[in-house]
Amino acid sequence: MAETQPQLTNARPPRGGSADPAQPLDAIDLSILVLLLRDARSSVRKIAAGVGMSAPAISERIARLERQGVIRGYRAEVDWARLGYGLTAYLMITGVQGWEQTETVEALCRLREVEDVEIVTGTADLVVKVRVRDHAHLRECLFERIWKVPGVHRTETMICLGEDSAKPFDLELAESLREPTL
């Protein structure tokens, strides 16, 4: 019998700022989460062996974690520089006063160069992460697309000089949740 991989069939729910309360997880749920964070391609059978439960029980727990939005998806990490998109920039965007910010965010998210849009507090309203081929592509993206998005009043561009490997934040935080608190 072929091993099954955990499958997520629904689109990714919005991240951060959810009005939903934190989901209480027991030790087994946290162990499943840690195993998936270590290797999202682990089979249900391998996870079941790791926590000492049956594969059907693990499948149900994973499905519940997905339904609750605790697990939002499974993804591949891509080296965009190897695909010709080696320049990352962060845009601090100030919106037009009184403009419906949701429309601006949706329009920005439709741009293929935009990787991430965060609503923030402070001197800017949005922080936008873009991936482009080079400086000329960044200029084109700003002049021809981003500055034309309704609701964008002003931008400040910060070019990323290099990317280190991201720390395994999700895994470290999940592992810390398994530790007893003092």
Protein backbone atom coordinates (compact mmCIF):
# COMPACT_ATOMS: atom_id res chain seq x y z
CA MET A 1 0.00 0.00 0.00
CA ALA A 2 1.41 3.38 -1.03
CA GLU A 3 2.19 5.91 1.68
CA THR A 4 0.07 9.02 1.60
CA GLN A 5 1.36 12.57 1.92
CA PRO A 6 -0.56 15.16 3.93
CA GLN A 7 -2.64 17.14 1.44
CA LEU A 8 -4.07 20.61 1.88
CA THR A 9 -6.94 21.20 -0.49
CA ASN A 10 -8.12 24.67 0.51
CA ALA A 11 -6.56 27.97 -0.42
CA ARG A 12 -4.32 29.58 2.16
CA PRO A 13 -6.30 31.65 4.68
CA PRO A 14 -5.14 35.20 5.35
CA ARG A 15 -2.16 35.37 7.68
CA GLY A 16 -1.68 37.35 10.82
CA GLY A 17 -4.12 39.58 12.61
CA SER A 18 -6.81 36.92 12.65
CA ALA A 19 -9.74 37.55 14.96
CA ASP A 20 -9.85 33.79 15.60
CA PRO A 21 -8.64 32.78 19.06
CA ALA A 22 -5.44 30.80 19.45
CA GLN A 23 -6.01 27.09 18.94
CA PRO A 24 -5.13 24.95 21.98
CA LEU A 25 -2.82 22.13 20.93
CA ASP A 26 -2.02 19.05 22.96
CA ALA A 27 1.43 17.46 23.07
CA ILE A 28 0.63 15.13 20.15
CA ASP A 29 -0.57 18.00 17.93
CA LEU A 30 2.62 19.92 18.77
CA SER A 31 4.74 16.85 17.95
CA ILE A 32 2.97 16.49 14.59
CA LEU A 33 3.52 20.17 13.90
CA VAL A 34 7.23 19.94 14.75
CA LEU A 35 7.68 16.88 12.51
CA LEU A 36 5.95 18.64 9.60
CA LEU A 37 8.04 21.78 10.15
CA ARG A 38 11.21 19.67 10.03
CA ASP A 39 10.05 17.97 6.81
CA ALA A 40 6.73 18.97 5.23
CA ARG A 41 7.09 16.06 2.80
CA SER A 42 6.96 13.45 5.57
CA SER A 43 4.38 10.77 4.97
CA VAL A 44 1.52 10.27 7.40
CA ARG A 45 2.94 6.84 8.17
CA LYS A 46 6.34 8.33 9.11
CA ILE A 47 4.70 10.96 11.33
CA ALA A 48 2.54 8.25 12.95
CA ALA A 49 5.66 6.24 13.77
CA GLY A 50 7.31 9.37 15.17
CA VAL A 51 4.51 10.01 17.65
CA GLY A 52 3.45 6.41 18.29
CA MET A 53 -0.05 6.56 16.83
CA SER A 54 -1.86 5.01 13.88
CA ALA A 55 -1.73 6.64 10.45
CA PRO A 56 -5.53 7.21 10.34
CA ALA A 57 -5.40 9.00 13.71
CA ILE A 58 -2.56 11.21 12.48
CA SER A 59 -4.42 11.93 9.22
CA GLU A 60 -7.43 13.11 11.22
CA ARG A 61 -5.29 15.31 13.46
CA ILE A 62 -3.52 16.87 10.45
CA ALA A 63 -6.89 17.48 8.76
CA ARG A 64 -8.19 19.14 11.95
CA LEU A 65 -5.08 21.35 12.19
CA GLU A 66 -5.66 22.37 8.56
CA ARG A 67 -9.37 23.11 9.15
CA GLN A 68 -8.49 25.20 12.20
CA GLY A 69 -5.99 27.17 10.13
CA VAL A 70 -3.04 26.11 12.30
CA ILE A 71 -1.46 24.49 9.24
CA ARG A 72 -1.98 26.88 6.33
CA GLY A 73 -0.16 25.01 3.63
CA TYR A 74 2.84 23.07 2.39
CA ARG A 75 5.33 24.73 0.10
CA ALA A 76 8.60 24.44 -1.73
CA GLU A 77 11.41 26.90 -1.02
CA VAL A 78 12.55 28.43 -4.30
CA ASP A 79 15.86 30.17 -5.02
CA TRP A 80 14.48 32.97 -7.20
CA ALA A 81 17.97 34.23 -8.10
CA ARG A 82 18.55 30.96 -9.97
CA LEU A 83 15.41 31.75 -11.98
CA GLY A 84 16.52 35.27 -12.90
CA TYR A 85 14.86 37.22 -10.05
CA GLY A 86 17.94 37.98 -7.95
CA LEU A 87 17.05 41.43 -6.62
CA THR A 88 14.77 41.82 -3.60
CA ALA A 89 13.47 45.19 -2.50
CA TYR A 90 11.20 46.36 0.28
CA LEU A 91 8.83 49.25 -0.41
CA MET A 92 7.47 51.38 2.40
CA ILE A 93 4.20 52.67 0.96
CA THR A 94 2.17 55.57 2.30
CA GLY A 95 -1.42 55.46 1.15
CA VAL A 96 -3.68 58.25 0.01
CA GLN A 97 -5.53 59.58 3.04
CA GLY A 98 -9.14 58.40 3.04
CA TRP A 99 -8.56 55.76 0.35
CA GLU A 100 -9.87 52.23 0.98
CA GLN A 101 -6.64 50.41 1.83
CA THR A 102 -8.10 46.99 0.98
CA GLU A 103 -8.33 47.98 -2.69
CA THR A 104 -4.69 49.08 -2.71
CA VAL A 105 -3.52 45.86 -1.06
CA GLU A 106 -5.52 43.72 -3.51
CA ALA A 107 -4.15 45.64 -6.51
CA LEU A 108 -0.57 45.27 -5.23
CA CYS A 109 -1.05 41.54 -4.64
CA ARG A 110 -2.07 41.12 -8.29
CA LEU A 111 1.35 42.35 -9.47
CA ARG A 112 3.57 39.38 -10.31
CA GLU A 113 6.69 40.97 -8.78
CA VAL A 114 4.99 41.46 -5.40
CA GLU A 115 5.80 38.62 -3.03
CA ASP A 116 4.29 39.95 0.17
CA VAL A 117 2.19 42.89 1.42
CA GLU A 118 2.01 43.72 5.12
CA ILE A 119 -0.21 46.39 6.70
CA VAL A 120 1.90 48.16 9.34
CA THR A 121 1.89 50.99 11.82
CA GLY A 122 4.39 53.83 11.84
CA THR A 123 5.40 56.29 9.15
CA ALA A 124 4.23 54.01 6.32
CA ASP A 125 0.97 52.14 5.83
CA LEU A 126 2.29 49.11 3.94
CA VAL A 127 5.54 47.19 3.57
CA VAL A 128 5.75 45.42 0.23
CA LYS A 129 8.38 42.84 -0.70
CA VAL A 130 9.14 42.64 -4.41
CA ARG A 131 11.40 40.34 -6.41
CA VAL A 132 12.77 41.65 -9.68
CA ARG A 133 15.48 40.76 -12.18
CA ASP A 134 17.65 43.85 -11.75
CA HIS A 135 17.59 47.62 -11.13
CA ALA A 136 16.02 48.33 -14.53
CA HIS A 137 13.22 45.88 -13.77
CA LEU A 138 12.72 47.51 -10.34
CA ARG A 139 12.47 50.92 -11.99
CA GLU A 140 9.94 49.59 -14.51
CA CYS A 141 7.94 47.91 -11.74
CA LEU A 142 7.83 51.14 -9.71
CA PHE A 143 7.17 53.56 -12.58
CA GLU A 144 4.80 51.46 -14.66
CA ARG A 145 2.89 49.48 -12.07
CA ILE A 146 3.27 50.29 -8.37
CA TRP A 147 3.09 54.09 -8.65
CA LYS A 148 -0.03 53.68 -10.79
CA VAL A 149 -1.88 51.57 -8.19
CA PRO A 150 -4.85 53.58 -6.89
CA GLY A 151 -4.29 54.58 -3.28
CA VAL A 152 -0.48 54.70 -3.44
CA HIS A 153 0.64 58.18 -2.42
CA ARG A 154 4.36 57.75 -1.76
CA THR A 155 6.98 55.01 -1.69
CA GLU A 156 10.39 54.56 -0.14
CA THR A 157 12.48 51.76 -1.63
CA MET A 158 15.05 49.71 0.27
CA ILE A 159 17.17 47.32 -1.77
CA CYS A 160 18.20 44.11 -0.08
CA LEU A 161 21.99 43.74 -0.25
CA GLY A 162 21.92 40.03 0.45
CA GLU A 163 19.77 37.33 1.94
CA ASP A 164 21.00 34.96 4.59
CA SER A 165 19.17 31.75 5.15
CA ALA A 166 16.10 32.48 7.20
CA LYS A 167 16.23 31.13 10.70
CA PRO A 168 13.81 28.25 11.29
CA PHE A 169 11.46 30.50 13.28
CA ASP A 170 8.37 28.31 12.90
CA LEU A 171 10.22 25.19 14.03
CA GLU A 172 11.94 26.94 16.95
CA LEU A 173 8.68 28.46 18.18
CA ALA A 174 6.76 25.17 17.85
CA GLU A 175 9.50 23.30 19.73
CA SER A 176 9.43 25.93 22.48
CA LEU A 177 5.68 25.40 22.89
CA ARG A 178 6.40 21.79 23.81
CA GLU A 179 8.68 22.90 26.66
CA PRO A 180 7.10 23.34 30.08
CA THR A 181 6.72 26.96 31.14
CA LEU A 182 8.07 28.09 34.49
